[in-house]
Amino acid sequence: MMKHVFAALLMAVPLAAPAQERAEVIRGIVAEDIVGGFAELDERAADMVQASGQDCTHPGLHESYAAAFSAWVRVSHLRFGPSEAENRAFALAYWPDPRGRTAKAIRKMLADGDEDLLSAEAYADMSIAARGFYALDYLLHEEDLATIGTPGYRCALVRTIVADIHGTTGELAEAWGAFAPKLTEPGPDSPYRSEDEVLQVLYKSASTGLEFASDMRLGRPLGTFERPRPNWAEAYRSGLSLRLLQEAVRGAGGLALRLASGNAVLQDRLRAELEAFQTDAEALDDPVFASVADPMGRFRVESLRTDVQDIREIVQGELGPALGVSAGFNSMDGD
């Protein structure tokens, strides 16, 4: 199904005439990729709240959880404006977590069983390591947690984290709707003085999103040939590692494709590379990159990483110069 969704995204971006106005490109990105993307995220988070009220266990929640997580990853490269404000992006996604802070926080909460921490107000003040999709992933899928605390508290904590995620996605959807005119109408009343500055921040988002996909979503589980680290893959406990990689490339790569409007040759090159990536991803049959310890399996995952790097090379080497911009600092780097 992912293959068909990805193909539909690519076909939905028409080849634009060279004279297409930059303002039109920006309006399309803001309306569909940004405002539309965060609205969809909030809808999927609402579905997750409803599902958790019916069944707080892994089987009952998994489908809505995976859909909401995927919706987040599709917009996770947009690390500016409302996403940066109040640490909202990190509150949804604290990863990578090299010090294991999420595991420590969740295990402590289960062991302590403190009911006072389960209110919306209290949980919003918790460390970002205890919040968001990765905290929920750990809570739902780490098998040895069954021996810590009580089932009742565990269920209540699941529902609290789900509600907290929905609270953040609601804030993001509302804030991005209000922020949209600052992107579509740059000038004295906007943080962006011109369309060029808007294109700069959008280009940076696409470039750094692809970089994160290559270096973190694939680079971490690959490790080195002598020391592969499959358990460093994103969301490996829930089996979502490959799916989230596809969503990340769909989001950041799709943004790059829109930014290439007006340059048919460049759009064609990007489209071809994105399709090649998706074909290889669909053929991988390794949802959590567990095969990185096997020579042939490792080769396939490395090939997938090369696909992502090829996309980013076009973005950096051709799209950036065509727009007259550069990526600059990567705001997706966490602690």
Protein backbone atom coordinates (compact mmCIF):
# COMPACT_ATOMS: atom_id res chain seq x y z
CA MET A 1 0.00 0.00 0.00
CA MET A 2 2.85 2.37 0.85
CA LYS A 3 4.17 2.00 -2.69
CA HIS A 4 0.86 3.14 -4.18
CA VAL A 5 0.58 6.07 -1.76
CA PHE A 6 4.12 7.16 -2.56
CA ALA A 7 3.52 6.88 -6.31
CA ALA A 8 0.34 8.94 -5.97
CA LEU A 9 2.29 11.67 -4.19
CA LEU A 10 4.84 11.81 -6.99
CA MET A 11 2.19 11.94 -9.70
CA ALA A 12 0.30 14.65 -7.82
CA VAL A 13 3.12 17.14 -8.38
CA PRO A 14 2.83 18.28 -12.03
CA LEU A 15 5.67 19.57 -14.09
CA ALA A 16 5.41 23.32 -13.73
CA ALA A 17 6.01 25.84 -16.46
CA PRO A 18 9.29 27.75 -16.12
CA ALA A 19 7.37 30.97 -15.53
CA GLN A 20 5.52 29.63 -12.51
CA GLU A 21 5.63 32.20 -9.76
CA ARG A 22 7.55 31.41 -6.57
CA ALA A 23 4.59 32.71 -4.61
CA GLU A 24 2.37 30.03 -6.13
CA VAL A 25 4.85 27.31 -5.20
CA ILE A 26 5.02 28.60 -1.63
CA ARG A 27 1.23 28.78 -1.32
CA GLY A 28 0.89 25.19 -2.48
CA ILE A 29 3.51 23.93 -0.04
CA VAL A 30 2.02 25.84 2.87
CA ALA A 31 -1.56 24.76 2.16
CA GLU A 32 -0.91 21.10 1.40
CA ASP A 33 2.38 20.03 2.95
CA ILE A 34 2.36 22.18 6.08
CA VAL A 35 -1.16 23.18 7.13
CA GLY A 36 -2.68 20.07 5.58
CA GLY A 37 0.05 17.83 6.97
CA PHE A 38 -0.31 19.05 10.54
CA ALA A 39 -4.11 18.89 10.32
CA GLU A 40 -3.83 15.25 9.26
CA LEU A 41 -1.44 14.59 12.14
CA ASP A 42 -3.97 15.99 14.60
CA GLU A 43 -6.75 13.86 13.09
CA ARG A 44 -4.65 10.70 13.39
CA ALA A 45 -3.77 11.59 16.99
CA ALA A 46 -7.49 12.00 17.73
CA ASP A 47 -8.07 8.52 16.32
CA MET A 48 -5.38 7.24 18.67
CA VAL A 49 -7.12 8.82 21.67
CA GLN A 50 -10.36 7.09 20.71
CA ALA A 51 -8.59 3.75 20.25
CA SER A 52 -6.82 4.01 23.60
CA GLY A 53 -10.14 4.58 25.33
CA GLN A 54 -11.39 1.27 23.95
CA ASP A 55 -8.22 -0.81 24.40
CA CYS A 56 -4.98 0.40 25.96
CA THR A 57 -3.00 -2.69 24.93
CA HIS A 58 -0.62 -3.06 22.01
CA PRO A 59 -2.99 -4.97 19.64
CA GLY A 60 -5.87 -2.57 20.10
CA LEU A 61 -3.79 0.56 19.69
CA HIS A 62 -1.22 -0.50 17.11
CA GLU A 63 -3.00 0.53 13.92
CA SER A 64 -3.97 4.02 15.07
CA TYR A 65 -0.61 4.49 16.79
CA ALA A 66 1.27 3.56 13.62
CA ALA A 67 -0.90 5.88 11.53
CA ALA A 68 -0.37 8.82 13.89
CA PHE A 69 3.37 8.15 14.14
CA SER A 70 3.59 8.02 10.34
CA ALA A 71 1.70 11.30 10.01
CA TRP A 72 4.17 12.92 12.40
CA VAL A 73 7.23 11.65 10.55
CA ARG A 74 5.86 13.02 7.24
CA VAL A 75 6.01 16.54 8.70
CA SER A 76 8.88 16.06 11.15
CA HIS A 77 11.39 17.76 8.84
CA LEU A 78 9.54 21.07 9.27
CA ARG A 79 11.60 22.16 12.27
CA PHE A 80 10.90 25.88 12.29
CA GLY A 81 8.14 28.25 13.35
CA PRO A 82 5.52 26.60 15.59
CA SER A 83 7.35 23.25 15.58
CA GLU A 84 10.39 24.79 17.24
CA ALA A 85 8.35 26.87 19.69
CA GLU A 86 7.96 25.43 23.19
CA ASN A 87 9.94 22.31 22.23
CA ARG A 88 6.82 20.90 20.54
CA ALA A 89 8.72 18.77 18.03
CA PHE A 90 10.93 17.23 20.70
CA ALA A 91 7.87 16.66 22.91
CA LEU A 92 6.50 14.46 20.14
CA ALA A 93 9.75 12.82 19.14
CA TYR A 94 12.72 12.56 21.47
CA TRP A 95 15.02 10.41 19.34
CA PRO A 96 17.78 9.41 19.05
CA ASP A 97 18.12 8.84 22.76
CA PRO A 98 21.71 7.63 23.30
CA ARG A 99 21.50 7.84 27.09
CA GLY A 100 18.32 5.80 27.35
CA ARG A 101 16.42 8.58 29.09
CA THR A 102 13.04 7.49 27.76
CA ALA A 103 13.45 3.96 29.12
CA LYS A 104 14.58 5.26 32.50
CA ALA A 105 11.70 7.73 32.75
CA ILE A 106 9.01 5.21 31.80
CA ARG A 107 10.36 2.49 34.07
CA LYS A 108 10.53 4.90 37.01
CA MET A 109 6.97 6.06 36.47
CA LEU A 110 5.69 2.49 36.36
CA ALA A 111 7.63 1.56 39.49
CA ASP A 112 6.49 4.63 41.43
CA GLY A 113 2.86 4.52 40.31
CA ASP A 114 2.37 8.21 41.06
CA GLU A 115 -1.24 9.06 40.13
CA ASP A 116 -0.57 12.79 40.38
CA LEU A 117 1.63 12.65 37.27
CA LEU A 118 -1.22 11.39 35.10
CA SER A 119 -3.10 14.67 34.78
CA ALA A 120 -2.77 16.58 31.51
CA GLU A 121 -1.23 19.57 33.27
CA ALA A 122 1.34 17.52 35.16
CA TYR A 123 2.34 15.44 32.18
CA ALA A 124 2.85 18.46 29.95
CA ASP A 125 5.57 19.53 32.39
CA MET A 126 7.34 16.16 32.28
CA SER A 127 10.74 15.72 30.67
CA ILE A 128 10.45 15.40 26.90
CA ALA A 129 12.06 11.97 27.27
CA ALA A 130 8.85 10.71 28.90
CA ARG A 131 6.57 12.21 26.27
CA GLY A 132 5.67 11.57 22.67
CA PHE A 133 5.72 8.71 20.22
CA TYR A 134 8.97 7.09 21.35
CA ALA A 135 7.86 6.97 24.97
CA LEU A 136 4.62 5.35 23.83
CA ASP A 137 6.54 2.95 21.60
CA TYR A 138 8.62 1.82 24.55
CA LEU A 139 5.64 1.55 26.89
CA LEU A 140 3.56 -0.49 24.45
CA HIS A 141 6.25 -2.78 23.09
CA GLU A 142 9.02 -3.33 25.65
CA GLU A 143 8.23 -6.83 26.87
CA ASP A 144 9.91 -6.75 30.27
CA LEU A 145 7.77 -3.82 31.43
CA ALA A 146 5.02 -6.32 32.25
CA THR A 147 6.80 -7.06 35.53
CA ILE A 148 6.96 -3.40 36.63
CA GLY A 149 4.04 -1.69 38.33
CA THR A 150 0.40 -2.64 37.89
CA PRO A 151 -1.61 -3.23 34.70
CA GLY A 152 -4.03 -0.50 35.75
CA TYR A 153 -1.34 2.14 36.10
CA ARG A 154 0.29 1.01 32.86
CA CYS A 155 -2.99 1.46 31.02
CA ALA A 156 -3.55 4.86 32.60
CA LEU A 157 -0.04 5.94 31.58
CA VAL A 158 -0.68 4.84 27.99
CA ARG A 159 -3.82 6.97 27.87
CA THR A 160 -2.02 9.92 29.46
CA ILE A 161 0.79 9.85 26.89
CA VAL A 162 -1.71 9.47 24.04
CA ALA A 163 -3.71 12.45 25.33
CA ASP A 164 -0.52 14.47 25.73
CA ILE A 165 0.47 13.71 22.13
CA HIS A 166 -2.97 14.82 20.96
CA GLY A 167 -2.67 18.01 22.99
CA THR A 168 0.61 18.81 21.25
CA THR A 169 -0.67 17.96 17.77
CA GLY A 170 -3.68 20.19 18.37
CA GLU A 171 -1.40 23.06 19.34
CA LEU A 172 0.70 22.47 16.24
CA ALA A 173 -2.27 22.33 13.87
CA GLU A 174 -3.70 25.55 15.26
CA ALA A 175 -0.35 27.33 15.40
CA TRP A 176 0.63 26.39 11.85
CA GLY A 177 -2.73 27.59 10.58
CA ALA A 178 -2.07 30.97 12.20
CA PHE A 179 1.57 31.01 11.04
CA ALA A 180 0.77 30.27 7.39
CA PRO A 181 0.33 33.93 6.31
CA LYS A 182 3.85 34.68 7.54
CA LEU A 183 5.10 32.29 4.86
CA THR A 184 2.70 33.21 2.08
CA GLU A 185 2.92 36.96 2.74
CA PRO A 186 6.56 37.68 3.65
CA GLY A 187 7.46 41.23 4.56
CA PRO A 188 7.78 43.61 7.52
CA ASP A 189 5.15 41.76 9.59
CA SER A 190 6.72 38.34 9.01
CA PRO A 191 9.95 36.70 10.21
CA TYR A 192 10.67 36.32 6.47
CA ARG A 193 11.29 39.49 4.54
CA SER A 194 10.99 37.97 1.08
CA GLU A 195 9.95 34.88 -0.84
CA ASP A 196 13.64 34.00 -1.10
CA GLU A 197 13.85 33.74 2.69
CA VAL A 198 10.77 31.51 2.76
CA LEU A 199 12.28 29.26 0.10
CA GLN A 200 15.48 29.15 2.15
CA VAL A 201 13.73 27.74 5.23
CA LEU A 202 11.69 25.28 3.15
CA TYR A 203 14.77 24.09 1.29
CA LYS A 204 16.65 23.68 4.56
CA SER A 205 13.79 21.57 5.91
CA ALA A 206 13.88 19.24 2.91
CA SER A 207 17.67 18.91 2.93
CA THR A 208 18.06 18.29 6.65
CA GLY A 209 15.11 15.90 6.67
CA LEU A 210 16.86 13.76 4.06
CA GLU A 211 20.13 14.05 5.98
CA PHE A 212 18.42 12.81 9.15
CA ALA A 213 16.90 9.90 7.23
CA SER A 214 20.33 8.85 5.96
CA ASP A 215 22.47 9.50 9.02
CA MET A 216 20.05 8.52 11.79
CA ARG A 217 17.21 6.36 10.48
CA LEU A 218 19.65 4.25 8.45
CA GLY A 219 23.10 5.14 9.79
CA ARG A 220 22.36 4.21 13.39
CA PRO A 221 21.24 0.60 12.78
CA LEU A 222 23.96 0.09 10.18
CA GLY A 223 26.67 1.07 12.66
CA THR A 224 29.91 -0.32 11.23
CA PHE A 225 30.59 -3.55 9.39
CA GLU A 226 32.36 -4.90 12.47
CA ARG A 227 29.69 -3.65 14.84
CA PRO A 228 26.21 -3.33 13.33
CA ARG A 229 23.53 -2.06 15.72
CA PRO A 230 20.08 -3.31 14.65
CA ASN A 231 18.63 -2.42 18.05
CA TRP A 232 19.47 1.21 17.37
CA ALA A 233 16.87 1.32 14.61
CA GLU A 234 14.02 3.77 15.08
CA ALA A 235 10.90 2.22 16.65
CA TYR A 236 12.25 -1.31 16.16
CA ARG A 237 10.13 -2.65 19.03
CA SER A 238 6.93 -1.86 17.14
CA GLY A 239 8.29 -3.00 13.76
CA LEU A 240 7.95 0.46 12.21
CA SER A 241 11.56 1.28 11.30
CA LEU A 242 11.28 0.85 7.52
CA ARG A 243 7.79 2.35 7.37
CA LEU A 244 8.93 5.49 9.18
CA LEU A 245 11.94 5.81 6.88
CA GLN A 246 9.60 5.69 3.90
CA GLU A 247 7.36 8.33 5.46
CA ALA A 248 10.37 10.56 6.18
CA VAL A 249 11.57 10.41 2.58
CA ARG A 250 8.03 10.87 1.34
CA GLY A 251 7.74 14.08 3.38
CA ALA A 252 11.15 15.66 2.83
CA GLY A 253 11.54 14.34 -0.71
CA GLY A 254 8.05 15.46 -1.65
CA LEU A 255 8.85 18.95 -0.40
CA ALA A 256 12.01 19.02 -2.51
CA LEU A 257 9.96 17.95 -5.52
CA ARG A 258 7.56 20.84 -5.03
CA LEU A 259 10.43 23.28 -4.62
CA ALA A 260 11.74 22.13 -8.00
CA SER A 261 8.58 23.39 -9.72
CA GLY A 262 9.55 25.42 -12.76
CA ASN A 263 12.51 23.16 -13.59
CA ALA A 264 11.13 20.14 -15.43
CA VAL A 265 14.50 18.43 -15.84
CA LEU A 266 15.31 18.73 -12.15
CA GLN A 267 11.84 17.52 -11.16
CA ASP A 268 12.22 14.50 -13.41
CA ARG A 269 15.57 13.63 -11.83
CA LEU A 270 14.19 13.95 -8.32
CA ARG A 271 11.09 11.96 -9.20
CA ALA A 272 13.19 9.15 -10.66
CA GLU A 273 15.40 8.95 -7.56
CA LEU A 274 12.39 8.98 -5.22
CA GLU A 275 10.78 6.18 -7.21
CA ALA A 276 14.04 4.18 -7.11
CA PHE A 277 14.16 4.56 -3.34
CA GLN A 278 10.58 3.43 -2.95
CA THR A 279 11.11 0.41 -5.19
CA ASP A 280 14.13 -0.68 -3.14
CA ALA A 281 12.29 -0.06 0.14
CA GLU A 282 9.34 -2.19 -0.96
CA ALA A 283 11.70 -5.01 -1.95
CA LEU A 284 13.65 -4.98 1.33
CA ASP A 285 11.34 -7.26 3.37
CA ASP A 286 13.13 -6.23 6.56
CA PRO A 287 10.84 -3.92 8.56
CA VAL A 288 13.33 -3.26 11.38
CA PHE A 289 16.69 -3.54 9.55
CA ALA A 290 17.51 -6.68 11.52
CA SER A 291 19.52 -7.99 8.57
CA VAL A 292 22.32 -5.43 8.95
CA ALA A 293 24.40 -8.08 10.74
CA ASP A 294 24.21 -10.34 7.67
CA PRO A 295 26.46 -9.42 4.70
CA MET A 296 23.73 -9.66 2.05
CA GLY A 297 21.13 -8.02 4.25
CA ARG A 298 23.56 -5.26 5.10
CA PHE A 299 24.22 -4.66 1.41
CA ARG A 300 20.50 -4.12 0.78
CA VAL A 301 20.15 -1.65 3.65
CA GLU A 302 23.30 0.17 2.53
CA SER A 303 21.83 0.38 -0.97
CA LEU A 304 18.73 1.97 0.49
CA ARG A 305 20.91 4.51 2.26
CA THR A 306 22.68 5.23 -1.03
CA ASP A 307 19.27 5.94 -2.57
CA VAL A 308 18.56 8.54 0.11
CA GLN A 309 22.02 10.06 -0.28
CA ASP A 310 21.50 10.28 -4.05
CA ILE A 311 18.28 12.22 -3.50
CA ARG A 312 20.00 14.58 -1.10
CA GLU A 313 22.93 15.11 -3.47
CA ILE A 314 20.51 16.33 -6.13
CA VAL A 315 18.81 18.55 -3.57
CA GLN A 316 22.10 20.05 -2.42
CA GLY A 317 23.95 20.11 -5.71
CA GLU A 318 21.15 21.18 -8.04
CA LEU A 319 18.03 22.33 -6.20
CA GLY A 320 19.90 24.57 -3.76
CA PRO A 321 21.82 26.45 -6.46
CA ALA A 322 18.67 26.71 -8.59
CA LEU A 323 16.88 28.39 -5.67
CA GLY A 324 19.96 30.35 -4.63
CA VAL A 325 19.91 28.93 -1.10
CA SER A 326 21.83 26.57 1.20
CA ALA A 327 20.84 24.26 4.06
CA GLY A 328 22.87 25.76 6.93
CA PHE A 329 22.45 24.58 10.54
CA ASN A 330 20.52 21.35 11.17
CA SER A 331 17.86 22.03 13.80
CA MET A 332 16.84 18.36 13.90
CA ASP A 333 19.91 17.49 15.94
CA GLY A 334 18.84 16.74 19.49
CA ASP A 335 20.69 16.14 22.71
